[in-house]
Each structure stands twice: as C-alpha cells, then as structure tokens.
PDB file of N, CA and C in Angstrom:
ATOM      1  N   MET A   1     106.774 130.117 177.673  1.00  0.00           N
ATOM      2  CA  MET A   1     106.816 128.768 177.129  1.00  0.00           C
ATOM      3  C   MET A   1     108.230 128.461 176.683  1.00  0.00           C
ATOM      4  N   SER A   2     108.638 127.239 176.859  1.00  0.00           N
ATOM      5  CA  SER A   2     109.970 126.807 176.445  1.00  0.00           C
ATOM      6  C   SER A   2     110.073 126.835 174.922  1.00  0.00           C
ATOM      7  N   GLN A   3     111.153 127.405 174.397  1.00  0.00           N
ATOM      8  CA  GLN A   3     111.300 127.527 172.954  1.00  0.00           C
ATOM      9  C   GLN A   3     112.077 126.369 172.334  1.00  0.00           C
ATOM     10  N   GLY A   4     112.957 125.705 173.097  1.00  0.00           N
ATOM     11  CA  GLY A   4     113.799 124.656 172.552  1.00  0.00           C
ATOM     12  C   GLY A   4     113.142 123.292 172.580  1.00  0.00           C
ATOM     13  N   LYS A   5     113.907 122.299 172.154  1.00  0.00           N
ATOM     14  CA  LYS A   5     113.421 120.922 172.151  1.00  0.00           C
ATOM     15  C   LYS A   5     113.773 120.214 173.456  1.00  0.00           C
ATOM     16  N   GLU A   6     114.497 120.889 174.325  1.00  0.00           N
ATOM     17  CA  GLU A   6     114.943 120.308 175.590  1.00  0.00           C
ATOM     18  C   GLU A   6     113.848 120.475 176.649  1.00  0.00           C
ATOM     19  N   ILE A   7     113.737 119.501 177.517  1.00  0.00           N
ATOM     20  CA  ILE A   7     112.820 119.611 178.644  1.00  0.00           C
ATOM     21  C   ILE A   7     113.593 120.340 179.742  1.00  0.00           C
ATOM     22  N   ASP A   8     113.337 121.638 179.876  1.00  0.00           N
ATOM     23  CA  ASP A   8     114.096 122.437 180.837  1.00  0.00           C
ATOM     24  C   ASP A   8     113.261 122.737 182.083  1.00  0.00           C
ATOM     25  N   ASN A   9     113.921 123.336 183.080  1.00  0.00           N
ATOM     26  CA  ASN A   9     113.252 123.621 184.347  1.00  0.00           C
ATOM     27  C   ASN A   9     112.091 124.602 184.182  1.00  0.00           C
ATOM     28  N   LYS A  10     112.213 125.539 183.253  1.00  0.00           N
ATOM     29  CA  LYS A  10     111.143 126.501 183.021  1.00  0.00           C
ATOM     30  C   LYS A  10     109.878 125.776 182.559  1.00  0.00           C
ATOM     31  N   LEU A  11     110.049 124.850 181.627  1.00  0.00           N
ATOM     32  CA  LEU A  11     108.906 124.074 181.146  1.00  0.00           C
ATOM     33  C   LEU A  11     108.307 123.246 182.277  1.00  0.00           C
ATOM     34  N   LEU A  12     109.140 122.659 183.114  1.00  0.00           N
ATOM     35  CA  LEU A  12     108.647 121.860 184.240  1.00  0.00           C
ATOM     36  C   LEU A  12     107.832 122.726 185.200  1.00  0.00           C
ATOM     37  N   ARG A  13     108.316 123.934 185.499  1.00  0.00           N
ATOM     38  CA  ARG A  13     107.573 124.843 186.377  1.00  0.00           C
ATOM     39  C   ARG A  13     106.220 125.209 185.772  1.00  0.00           C
ATOM     40  N   GLU A  14     106.208 125.467 184.467  1.00  0.00           N
ATOM     41  CA  GLU A  14     104.952 125.814 183.796  1.00  0.00           C
ATOM     42  C   GLU A  14     103.949 124.671 183.883  1.00  0.00           C
ATOM     43  N   VAL A  15     104.427 123.454 183.733  1.00  0.00           N
ATOM     44  CA  VAL A  15     103.557 122.276 183.837  1.00  0.00           C
ATOM     45  C   VAL A  15     102.973 122.182 185.238  1.00  0.00           C
ATOM     46  N   LEU A  16     103.822 122.342 186.247  1.00  0.00           N
ATOM     47  CA  LEU A  16     103.355 122.244 187.634  1.00  0.00           C
ATOM     48  C   LEU A  16     102.397 123.374 188.010  1.00  0.00           C
ATOM     49  N   GLN A  17     102.472 124.484 187.294  1.00  0.00           N
ATOM     50  CA  GLN A  17     101.565 125.611 187.543  1.00  0.00           C
ATOM     51  C   GLN A  17     100.243 125.447 186.788  1.00  0.00           C
ATOM     52  N   GLY A  18     100.111 124.363 186.035  1.00  0.00           N
ATOM     53  CA  GLY A  18      98.856 124.060 185.360  1.00  0.00           C
ATOM     54  C   GLY A  18      98.705 124.655 183.970  1.00  0.00           C
ATOM     55  N   ASP A  19      99.792 125.083 183.364  1.00  0.00           N
ATOM     56  CA  ASP A  19      99.755 125.645 182.015  1.00  0.00           C
ATOM     57  C   ASP A  19      99.472 124.515 181.023  1.00  0.00           C
ATOM     58  N   LYS A  20      98.276 124.512 180.437  1.00  0.00           N
ATOM     59  CA  LYS A  20      97.850 123.425 179.543  1.00  0.00           C
ATOM     60  C   LYS A  20      98.704 123.345 178.279  1.00  0.00           C
ATOM     61  N   LYS A  21      99.133 124.481 177.764  1.00  0.00           N
ATOM     62  CA  LYS A  21      99.991 124.498 176.582  1.00  0.00           C
ATOM     63  C   LYS A  21     101.355 123.870 176.908  1.00  0.00           C
ATOM     64  N   ALA A  22     101.876 124.190 178.082  1.00  0.00           N
ATOM     65  CA  ALA A  22     103.144 123.611 178.530  1.00  0.00           C
ATOM     66  C   ALA A  22     102.998 122.103 178.750  1.00  0.00           C
ATOM     67  N   GLU A  23     101.859 121.685 179.275  1.00  0.00           N
ATOM     68  CA  GLU A  23     101.609 120.256 179.489  1.00  0.00           C
ATOM     69  C   GLU A  23     101.667 119.491 178.180  1.00  0.00           C
ATOM     70  N   LYS A  24     101.030 120.032 177.142  1.00  0.00           N
ATOM     71  CA  LYS A  24     101.037 119.356 175.846  1.00  0.00           C
ATOM     72  C   LYS A  24     102.458 119.284 175.294  1.00  0.00           C
ATOM     73  N   GLU A  25     103.192 120.389 175.356  1.00  0.00           N
ATOM     74  CA  GLU A  25     104.570 120.399 174.875  1.00  0.00           C
ATOM     75  C   GLU A  25     105.424 119.407 175.666  1.00  0.00           C
ATOM     76  N   PHE A  26     105.223 119.384 176.973  1.00  0.00           N
ATOM     77  CA  PHE A  26     105.983 118.482 177.838  1.00  0.00           C
ATOM     78  C   PHE A  26     105.721 117.021 177.484  1.00  0.00           C
ATOM     79  N   ILE A  27     104.445 116.654 177.336  1.00  0.00           N
ATOM     80  CA  ILE A  27     104.094 115.266 176.998  1.00  0.00           C
ATOM     81  C   ILE A  27     104.653 114.902 175.628  1.00  0.00           C
ATOM     82  N   ASP A  28     104.562 115.818 174.669  1.00  0.00           N
ATOM     83  CA  ASP A  28     105.115 115.556 173.335  1.00  0.00           C
ATOM     84  C   ASP A  28     106.617 115.305 173.404  1.00  0.00           C
ATOM     85  N   LEU A  29     107.326 116.144 174.151  1.00  0.00           N
ATOM     86  CA  LEU A  29     108.777 115.978 174.289  1.00  0.00           C
ATOM     87  C   LEU A  29     109.117 114.679 175.020  1.00  0.00           C
ATOM     88  N   CYS A  30     108.358 114.353 176.058  1.00  0.00           N
ATOM     89  CA  CYS A  30     108.585 113.095 176.781  1.00  0.00           C
ATOM     90  C   CYS A  30     108.363 111.898 175.862  1.00  0.00           C
ATOM     91  N   ASN A  31     107.292 111.932 175.076  1.00  0.00           N
ATOM     92  CA  ASN A  31     107.010 110.828 174.157  1.00  0.00           C
ATOM     93  C   ASN A  31     108.146 110.639 173.156  1.00  0.00           C
ATOM     94  N   LYS A  32     108.674 111.726 172.618  1.00  0.00           N
ATOM     95  CA  LYS A  32     109.801 111.633 171.680  1.00  0.00           C
ATOM     96  C   LYS A  32     111.030 111.043 172.360  1.00  0.00           C
ATOM     97  N   CYS A  33     111.303 111.497 173.555  1.00  0.00           N
ATOM     98  CA  CYS A  33     112.457 111.000 174.304  1.00  0.00           C
ATOM     99  C   CYS A  33     112.295 109.512 174.634  1.00  0.00           C
ATOM    100  N   ILE A  34     111.119 109.147 175.103  1.00  0.00           N
ATOM    101  CA  ILE A  34     110.842 107.746 175.457  1.00  0.00           C
ATOM    102  C   ILE A  34     110.977 106.863 174.229  1.00  0.00           C
ATOM    103  N   TRP A  35     110.363 107.268 173.132  1.00  0.00           N
ATOM    104  CA  TRP A  35     110.406 106.455 171.915  1.00  0.00           C
ATOM    105  C   TRP A  35     111.848 106.297 171.433  1.00  0.00           C
ATOM    106  N   GLY A  36     112.610 107.370 171.490  1.00  0.00           N
ATOM    107  CA  GLY A  36     114.014 107.293 171.082  1.00  0.00           C
ATOM    108  C   GLY A  36     114.802 106.317 171.946  1.00  0.00           C
ATOM    109  N   ALA A  37     114.545 106.344 173.242  1.00  0.00           N
ATOM    110  CA  ALA A  37     115.248 105.439 174.155  1.00  0.00           C
ATOM    111  C   ALA A  37     114.813 103.987 173.955  1.00  0.00           C
ATOM    112  N   LEU A  38     113.574 103.780 173.557  1.00  0.00           N
ATOM    113  CA  LEU A  38     113.084 102.413 173.355  1.00  0.00           C
ATOM    114  C   LEU A  38     113.618 101.769 172.078  1.00  0.00           C
ATOM    115  N   LYS A  39     114.165 102.562 171.182  1.00  0.00           N
ATOM    116  CA  LYS A  39     114.680 102.013 169.920  1.00  0.00           C
ATOM    117  C   LYS A  39     115.772 100.973 170.141  1.00  0.00           C
ATOM    118  N   ARG A  40     116.512 101.079 171.234  1.00  0.00           N
ATOM    119  CA  ARG A  40     117.607 100.125 171.465  1.00  0.00           C
ATOM    120  C   ARG A  40     117.128  98.767 171.976  1.00  0.00           C
ATOM    121  N   PHE A  41     115.853  98.656 172.256  1.00  0.00           N
ATOM    122  CA  PHE A  41     115.292  97.398 172.744  1.00  0.00           C
ATOM    123  C   PHE A  41     114.655  96.642 171.586  1.00  0.00           C
ATOM    124  N   ASP A  42     115.510  95.984 170.797  1.00  0.00           N
ATOM    125  CA  ASP A  42     115.056  95.254 169.615  1.00  0.00           C
ATOM    126  C   ASP A  42     114.088  94.121 169.940  1.00  0.00           C
ATOM    127  N   GLN A  43     114.185  93.584 171.133  1.00  0.00           N
ATOM    128  CA  GLN A  43     113.338  92.447 171.500  1.00  0.00           C
ATOM    129  C   GLN A  43     111.876  92.852 171.681  1.00  0.00           C
ATOM    130  N   LEU A  44     111.613  94.142 171.838  1.00  0.00           N
ATOM    131  CA  LEU A  44     110.240  94.611 172.006  1.00  0.00           C
ATOM    132  C   LEU A  44     109.604  94.879 170.646  1.00  0.00           C
ATOM    133  N   SER A  45     108.401  94.393 170.475  1.00  0.00           N
ATOM    134  CA  SER A  45     107.657  94.690 169.252  1.00  0.00           C
ATOM    135  C   SER A  45     107.201  96.154 169.309  1.00  0.00           C
ATOM    136  N   HIS A  46     106.724  96.643 168.197  1.00  0.00           N
ATOM    137  CA  HIS A  46     106.210  98.019 168.145  1.00  0.00           C
ATOM    138  C   HIS A  46     105.080  98.200 169.171  1.00  0.00           C
ATOM    139  N   GLU A  47     104.204  97.218 169.265  1.00  0.00           N
ATOM    140  CA  GLU A  47     103.083  97.283 170.204  1.00  0.00           C
ATOM    141  C   GLU A  47     103.574  97.263 171.646  1.00  0.00           C
ATOM    142  N   ASP A  48     104.599  96.435 171.934  1.00  0.00           N
ATOM    143  CA  ASP A  48     105.170  96.390 173.278  1.00  0.00           C
ATOM    144  C   ASP A  48     105.789  97.742 173.639  1.00  0.00           C
ATOM    145  N   LYS A  49     106.476  98.360 172.692  1.00  0.00           N
ATOM    146  CA  LYS A  49     107.068  99.677 172.932  1.00  0.00           C
ATOM    147  C   LYS A  49     105.982 100.706 173.218  1.00  0.00           C
ATOM    148  N   GLU A  50     104.875 100.634 172.503  1.00  0.00           N
ATOM    149  CA  GLU A  50     103.762 101.544 172.761  1.00  0.00           C
ATOM    150  C   GLU A  50     103.200 101.330 174.166  1.00  0.00           C
ATOM    151  N   ASP A  51     103.106 100.053 174.585  1.00  0.00           N
ATOM    152  CA  ASP A  51     102.620  99.745 175.935  1.00  0.00           C
ATOM    153  C   ASP A  51     103.556 100.317 176.994  1.00  0.00           C
ATOM    154  N   VAL A  52     104.849 100.104 176.822  1.00  0.00           N
ATOM    155  CA  VAL A  52     105.838 100.618 177.777  1.00  0.00           C
ATOM    156  C   VAL A  52     105.770 102.144 177.810  1.00  0.00           C
ATOM    157  N   GLN A  53     105.669 102.758 176.641  1.00  0.00           N
ATOM    158  CA  GLN A  53     105.598 104.214 176.556  1.00  0.00           C
ATOM    159  C   GLN A  53     104.370 104.736 177.321  1.00  0.00           C
ATOM    160  N   SER A  54     103.231 104.112 177.132  1.00  0.00           N
ATOM    161  CA  SER A  54     102.003 104.532 177.822  1.00  0.00           C
ATOM    162  C   SER A  54     102.135 104.358 179.330  1.00  0.00           C
ATOM    163  N   GLN A  55     102.699 103.240 179.746  1.00  0.00           N
ATOM    164  CA  GLN A  55     102.889 102.996 181.172  1.00  0.00           C
ATOM    165  C   GLN A  55     103.772 104.073 181.794  1.00  0.00           C
ATOM    166  N   ILE A  56     104.832 104.435 181.096  1.00  0.00           N
ATOM    167  CA  ILE A  56     105.747 105.451 181.622  1.00  0.00           C
ATOM    168  C   ILE A  56     105.036 106.797 181.734  1.00  0.00           C
ATOM    169  N   ILE A  57     104.334 107.189 180.692  1.00  0.00           N
ATOM    170  CA  ILE A  57     103.648 108.492 180.715  1.00  0.00           C
ATOM    171  C   ILE A  57     102.605 108.534 181.822  1.00  0.00           C
ATOM    172  N   TYR A  58     101.756 107.524 181.893  1.00  0.00           N
ATOM    173  CA  TYR A  58     100.627 107.594 182.822  1.00  0.00           C
ATOM    174  C   TYR A  58     100.930 107.132 184.239  1.00  0.00           C
ATOM    175  N   LYS A  59     101.948 106.323 184.424  1.00  0.00           N
ATOM    176  CA  LYS A  59     102.272 105.879 185.778  1.00  0.00           C
ATOM    177  C   LYS A  59     103.474 106.618 186.365  1.00  0.00           C
ATOM    178  N   GLU A  60     104.444 106.948 185.524  1.00  0.00           N
ATOM    179  CA  GLU A  60     105.689 107.525 186.032  1.00  0.00           C
ATOM    180  C   GLU A  60     105.783 109.041 185.864  1.00  0.00           C
ATOM    181  N   ILE A  61     105.122 109.587 184.888  1.00  0.00           N
ATOM    182  CA  ILE A  61     105.241 111.020 184.606  1.00  0.00           C
ATOM    183  C   ILE A  61     103.972 111.760 185.047  1.00  0.00           C
ATOM    184  N   PHE A  62     102.869 111.474 184.377  1.00  0.00           N
ATOM    185  CA  PHE A  62     101.608 112.153 184.657  1.00  0.00           C
ATOM    186  C   PHE A  62     101.032 111.732 186.001  1.00  0.00           C
ATOM    187  N   GLY A  63     101.213 110.477 186.352  1.00  0.00           N
ATOM    188  CA  GLY A  63     100.661 109.960 187.599  1.00  0.00           C
ATOM    189  C   GLY A  63      99.253 109.456 187.390  1.00  0.00           C
ATOM    190  N   GLN A  64      98.901 108.409 188.084  1.00  0.00           N
ATOM    191  CA  GLN A  64      97.577 107.811 187.925  1.00  0.00           C
ATOM    192  C   GLN A  64      96.467 108.773 188.349  1.00  0.00           C
ATOM    193  N   LEU A  65      96.795 109.707 189.219  1.00  0.00           N
ATOM    194  CA  LEU A  65      95.807 110.683 189.680  1.00  0.00           C
ATOM    195  C   LEU A  65      95.939 112.018 188.957  1.00  0.00           C
ATOM    196  N   GLY A  66      96.815 112.081 187.952  1.00  0.00           N
ATOM    197  CA  GLY A  66      97.028 113.326 187.237  1.00  0.00           C
ATOM    198  C   GLY A  66      97.771 114.364 188.059  1.00  0.00           C
ATOM    199  N   ASP A  67      98.579 113.892 188.995  1.00  0.00           N
ATOM    200  CA  ASP A  67      99.278 114.799 189.914  1.00  0.00           C
ATOM    201  C   ASP A  67     100.733 115.070 189.515  1.00  0.00           C
ATOM    202  N   TRP A  68     101.123 114.648 188.321  1.00  0.00           N
ATOM    203  CA  TRP A  68     102.493 114.850 187.811  1.00  0.00           C
ATOM    204  C   TRP A  68     103.537 114.283 188.790  1.00  0.00           C
ATOM    205  N   ARG A  69     103.269 113.098 189.271  1.00  0.00           N
ATOM    206  CA  ARG A  69     104.127 112.439 190.247  1.00  0.00           C
ATOM    207  C   ARG A  69     105.581 112.352 189.800  1.00  0.00           C
ATOM    208  N   GLY A  70     105.810 112.054 188.533  1.00  0.00           N
ATOM    209  CA  GLY A  70     107.176 111.923 188.031  1.00  0.00           C
ATOM    210  C   GLY A  70     107.970 113.208 188.110  1.00  0.00           C
ATOM    211  N   ILE A  71     107.329 114.320 187.803  1.00  0.00           N
ATOM    212  CA  ILE A  71     108.021 115.612 187.888  1.00  0.00           C
ATOM    213  C   ILE A  71     108.336 115.935 189.338  1.00  0.00           C
ATOM    214  N   ARG A  72     107.410 115.631 190.212  1.00  0.00           N
ATOM    215  CA  ARG A  72     107.601 115.953 191.627  1.00  0.00           C
ATOM    216  C   ARG A  72     108.724 115.133 192.261  1.00  0.00           C
ATOM    217  N   LYS A  73     108.996 113.947 191.719  1.00  0.00           N
ATOM    218  CA  LYS A  73     110.103 113.116 192.217  1.00  0.00           C
ATOM    219  C   LYS A  73     111.457 113.601 191.712  1.00  0.00           C
ATOM    220  N   PHE A  74     111.446 114.315 190.604  1.00  0.00           N
ATOM    221  CA  PHE A  74     112.678 114.777 189.969  1.00  0.00           C
ATOM    222  C   PHE A  74     113.370 115.800 190.858  1.00  0.00           C
ATOM    223  N   LYS A  75     114.654 115.555 191.164  1.00  0.00           N
ATOM    224  CA  LYS A  75     115.417 116.410 192.075  1.00  0.00           C
ATOM    225  C   LYS A  75     116.287 117.438 191.364  1.00  0.00           C
ATOM    226  N   ALA A  76     116.255 117.479 190.044  1.00  0.00           N
ATOM    227  CA  ALA A  76     117.016 118.446 189.234  1.00  0.00           C
ATOM    228  C   ALA A  76     118.527 118.344 189.456  1.00  0.00           C
ATOM    229  N   GLN A  77     119.017 117.157 189.787  1.00  0.00           N
ATOM    230  CA  GLN A  77     120.456 116.946 189.918  1.00  0.00           C
ATOM    231  C   GLN A  77     121.081 116.611 188.566  1.00  0.00           C
ATOM    232  N   SER A  78     120.255 116.397 187.573  1.00  0.00           N
ATOM    233  CA  SER A  78     120.677 116.140 186.203  1.00  0.00           C
ATOM    234  C   SER A  78     119.589 116.715 185.301  1.00  0.00           C
ATOM    235  N   LYS A  79     119.754 116.566 184.005  1.00  0.00           N
ATOM    236  CA  LYS A  79     118.694 116.981 183.084  1.00  0.00           C
ATOM    237  C   LYS A  79     117.492 116.062 183.272  1.00  0.00           C
ATOM    238  N   PHE A  80     116.316 116.585 183.015  1.00  0.00           N
ATOM    239  CA  PHE A  80     115.121 115.751 183.122  1.00  0.00           C
ATOM    240  C   PHE A  80     115.171 114.609 182.125  1.00  0.00           C
ATOM    241  N   THR A  81     115.760 114.852 180.946  1.00  0.00           N
ATOM    242  CA  THR A  81     115.848 113.782 179.947  1.00  0.00           C
ATOM    243  C   THR A  81     116.707 112.626 180.453  1.00  0.00           C
ATOM    244  N   THR A  82     117.735 112.919 181.243  1.00  0.00           N
ATOM    245  CA  THR A  82     118.561 111.862 181.838  1.00  0.00           C
ATOM    246  C   THR A  82     117.735 111.057 182.833  1.00  0.00           C
ATOM    247  N   TYR A  83     116.973 111.755 183.648  1.00  0.00           N
ATOM    248  CA  TYR A  83     116.071 111.117 184.605  1.00  0.00           C
ATOM    249  C   TYR A  83     115.056 110.229 183.876  1.00  0.00           C
ATOM    250  N   LEU A  84     114.479 110.769 182.809  1.00  0.00           N
ATOM    251  CA  LEU A  84     113.491 110.040 182.015  1.00  0.00           C
ATOM    252  C   LEU A  84     114.112 108.817 181.345  1.00  0.00           C
ATOM    253  N   TYR A  85     115.327 108.960 180.832  1.00  0.00           N
ATOM    254  CA  TYR A  85     116.023 107.842 180.195  1.00  0.00           C
ATOM    255  C   TYR A  85     116.200 106.689 181.185  1.00  0.00           C
ATOM    256  N   GLY A  86     116.527 107.012 182.428  1.00  0.00           N
ATOM    257  CA  GLY A  86     116.663 105.981 183.458  1.00  0.00           C
ATOM    258  C   GLY A  86     115.357 105.241 183.693  1.00  0.00           C
ATOM    259  N   ILE A  87     114.265 105.981 183.720  1.00  0.00           N
ATOM    260  CA  ILE A  87     112.941 105.367 183.889  1.00  0.00           C
ATOM    261  C   ILE A  87     112.631 104.445 182.714  1.00  0.00           C
ATOM    262  N   VAL A  88     112.907 104.917 181.505  1.00  0.00           N
ATOM    263  CA  VAL A  88     112.637 104.119 180.299  1.00  0.00           C
ATOM    264  C   VAL A  88     113.424 102.823 180.343  1.00  0.00           C
ATOM    265  N   THR A  89     114.703 102.924 180.660  1.00  0.00           N
ATOM    266  CA  THR A  89     115.555 101.735 180.707  1.00  0.00           C
ATOM    267  C   THR A  89     115.028 100.738 181.730  1.00  0.00           C
ATOM    268  N   PHE A  90     114.723 101.216 182.931  1.00  0.00           N
ATOM    269  CA  PHE A  90     114.226 100.338 183.984  1.00  0.00           C
ATOM    270  C   PHE A  90     112.913  99.677 183.576  1.00  0.00           C
ATOM    271  N   ARG A  91     111.983 100.464 183.063  1.00  0.00           N
ATOM    272  CA  ARG A  91     110.669  99.923 182.684  1.00  0.00           C
ATOM    273  C   ARG A  91     110.761  98.950 181.509  1.00  0.00           C
ATOM    274  N   ALA A  92     111.604  99.243 180.532  1.00  0.00           N
ATOM    275  CA  ALA A  92     111.757  98.339 179.390  1.00  0.00           C
ATOM    276  C   ALA A  92     112.376  97.013 179.824  1.00  0.00           C
ATOM    277  N   LEU A  93     113.409  97.088 180.666  1.00  0.00           N
ATOM    278  CA  LEU A  93     114.033  95.856 181.164  1.00  0.00           C
ATOM    279  C   LEU A  93     113.051  95.066 182.022  1.00  0.00           C
ATOM    280  N   ASP A  94     112.266  95.753 182.821  1.00  0.00           N
ATOM    281  CA  ASP A  94     111.253  95.102 183.649  1.00  0.00           C
ATOM    282  C   ASP A  94     110.199  94.424 182.773  1.00  0.00           C
ATOM    283  N   PHE A  95     109.799  95.085 181.698  1.00  0.00           N
ATOM    284  CA  PHE A  95     108.823  94.519 180.762  1.00  0.00           C
ATOM    285  C   PHE A  95     109.384  93.254 180.115  1.00  0.00           C
ATOM    286  N   LEU A  96     110.635  93.331 179.661  1.00  0.00           N
ATOM    287  CA  LEU A  96     111.266  92.154 179.057  1.00  0.00           C
ATOM    288  C   LEU A  96     111.312  90.994 180.051  1.00  0.00           C
ATOM    289  N   LYS A  97     111.694  91.297 181.272  1.00  0.00           N
ATOM    290  CA  LYS A  97     111.787  90.265 182.311  1.00  0.00           C
ATOM    291  C   LYS A  97     110.422  89.633 182.561  1.00  0.00           C
ATOM    292  N   SER A  98     109.363  90.455 182.578  1.00  0.00           N
ATOM    293  CA  SER A  98     108.017  89.928 182.816  1.00  0.00           C
ATOM    294  C   SER A  98     107.568  88.992 181.699  1.00  0.00           C
ATOM    295  N   LYS A  99     108.131  89.175 180.508  1.00  0.00           N
ATOM    296  CA  LYS A  99     107.803  88.318 179.365  1.00  0.00           C
ATOM    297  C   LYS A  99     108.782  87.145 179.225  1.00  0.00           C
ATOM    298  N   GLY A 100     109.761  87.061 180.134  1.00  0.00           N
ATOM    299  CA  GLY A 100     110.737  85.979 180.078  1.00  0.00           C
ATOM    300  C   GLY A 100     111.757  86.142 178.962  1.00  0.00           C
ATOM    301  N   ILE A 101     111.986  87.389 178.541  1.00  0.00           N
ATOM    302  CA  ILE A 101     112.925  87.669 177.452  1.00  0.00           C
ATOM    303  C   ILE A 101     114.182  88.304 178.037  1.00  0.00           C
ATOM    304  N   LYS A 102     115.327  87.800 177.613  1.00  0.00           N
ATOM    305  CA  LYS A 102     116.589  88.370 178.086  1.00  0.00           C
ATOM    306  C   LYS A 102     117.011  89.505 177.156  1.00  0.00           C
ATOM    307  N   TYR A 103     117.470  90.601 177.754  1.00  0.00           N
ATOM    308  CA  TYR A 103     117.911  91.756 176.961  1.00  0.00           C
ATOM    309  C   TYR A 103     119.191  91.424 176.214  1.00  0.00           C
ATOM    310  N   ARG A 104     119.207  91.730 174.929  1.00  0.00           N
ATOM    311  CA  ARG A 104     120.410  91.606 174.098  1.00  0.00           C
ATOM    312  C   ARG A 104     120.796  93.010 173.667  1.00  0.00           C
ATOM    313  N   ASN A 105     122.057  93.328 173.811  1.00  0.00           N
ATOM    314  CA  ASN A 105     122.535  94.623 173.349  1.00  0.00           C
ATOM    315  C   ASN A 105     122.395  94.689 171.838  1.00  0.00           C
ATOM    316  N   LYS A 106     122.032  95.842 171.319  1.00  0.00           N
ATOM    317  CA  LYS A 106     121.763  96.013 169.894  1.00  0.00           C
ATOM    318  C   LYS A 106     123.021  95.894 169.036  1.00  0.00           C
ATOM    319  N   THR A 107     124.177  96.221 169.582  1.00  0.00           N
ATOM    320  CA  THR A 107     125.406  96.201 168.790  1.00  0.00           C
ATOM    321  C   THR A 107     125.866  94.779 168.524  1.00  0.00           C
ATOM    322  N   VAL A 108     126.528  94.601 167.405  1.00  0.00           N
ATOM    323  CA  VAL A 108     127.068  93.307 167.010  1.00  0.00           C
ATOM    324  C   VAL A 108     128.583  93.393 167.131  1.00  0.00           C
ATOM    325  N   SER A 109     129.178  92.359 167.682  1.00  0.00           N
ATOM    326  CA  SER A 109     130.624  92.382 167.857  1.00  0.00           C
ATOM    327  C   SER A 109     131.351  92.335 166.509  1.00  0.00           C
ATOM    328  N   VAL A 110     132.570  92.812 166.508  1.00  0.00           N
ATOM    329  CA  VAL A 110     133.382  92.814 165.292  1.00  0.00           C
ATOM    330  C   VAL A 110     133.629  91.387 164.836  1.00  0.00           C
ATOM    331  N   ASP A 111     133.875  90.478 165.772  1.00  0.00           N
ATOM    332  CA  ASP A 111     134.106  89.068 165.435  1.00  0.00           C
ATOM    333  C   ASP A 111     132.925  88.448 164.693  1.00  0.00           C
ATOM    334  N   ALA A 112     131.724  88.827 165.086  1.00  0.00           N
ATOM    335  CA  ALA A 112     130.540  88.275 164.448  1.00  0.00           C
ATOM    336  C   ALA A 112     130.371  88.823 163.030  1.00  0.00           C
ATOM    337  N   GLN A 113     130.927  89.999 162.769  1.00  0.00           N
ATOM    338  CA  GLN A 113     130.792  90.603 161.447  1.00  0.00           C
ATOM    339  C   GLN A 113     131.816  90.075 160.462  1.00  0.00           C
ATOM    340  N   ILE A 114     132.934  89.550 160.983  1.00  0.00           N
ATOM    341  CA  ILE A 114     133.996  89.034 160.109  1.00  0.00           C
ATOM    342  C   ILE A 114     133.762  87.565 159.853  1.00  0.00           C
ATOM    343  N   ASN A 115     133.687  87.191 158.607  1.00  0.00           N
ATOM    344  CA  ASN A 115     133.485  85.806 158.248  1.00  0.00           C
ATOM    345  C   ASN A 115     134.838  85.233 157.858  1.00  0.00           C
ATOM    346  N   ILE A 116     135.447  84.478 158.786  1.00  0.00           N
ATOM    347  CA  ILE A 116     136.778  83.901 158.527  1.00  0.00           C
ATOM    348  C   ILE A 116     136.592  82.517 157.921  1.00  0.00           C
ATOM    349  N   SER A 117     137.201  82.307 156.764  1.00  0.00           N
ATOM    350  CA  SER A 117     137.075  81.014 156.071  1.00  0.00           C
ATOM    351  C   SER A 117     138.239  80.123 156.377  1.00  0.00           C
TER     352      SER A 117
END
C-alpha cells in the first residue's frame, strides 16, 4: 500500500489489480486533489463544486462501468495529480460555460487594491 499522500504508480497498480483498500485510499486522495483544485473557481457554489467533483470521480476516474477508465487513459508522462488537475480544470470550465458564467481569475490586480484619491 502507498504510504505517502501522493498518488503514485504503485497505488495505481494496486487499484487496477482490484485491491479494495488501495481503491479507497485512491478515491480519498483524488477527492482531496479535486477539491483543492476547485477552490480557485470562486464562481462555483459549494453544491456546484460537489457536482463537478462527483462527475469527475464517476465519469472520468472510476468510469460509469466501474472499469477505472481514467486510470487506464493515464500515460504516466507526468504525475497522476497533474493529469487529474487538467481534468478538474477542463470540467470546471465546462460546467461554468454550461451555466453561462465566465471564469474570473481569483487574483485581484494591484491596481484594483490601490485606492488612489
């Protein structure tokens, strides 16, 4: 079993081999990563973030048939968390677009913070 907080190749292999303990750890780590990545999308309500998170887990990672489709697509050319972050970004932006909301970057410009009289 993977000992760290990182989603590593060993954990991915254990999941694909059907290790139920590894599956739980993997889903927990994915949920933490997804939630962390969704924090930058201020336009999404808490409920919307939960919806996006569920869609990612069940459609992109676990697969609608429980076949771990997301892991099988992963080519290991980067960390799995990087791959997952890309999915989160795409799905969150797609969700915003479907609601007719334009993405605003969370940071505020220096000019906006300075009040010139």
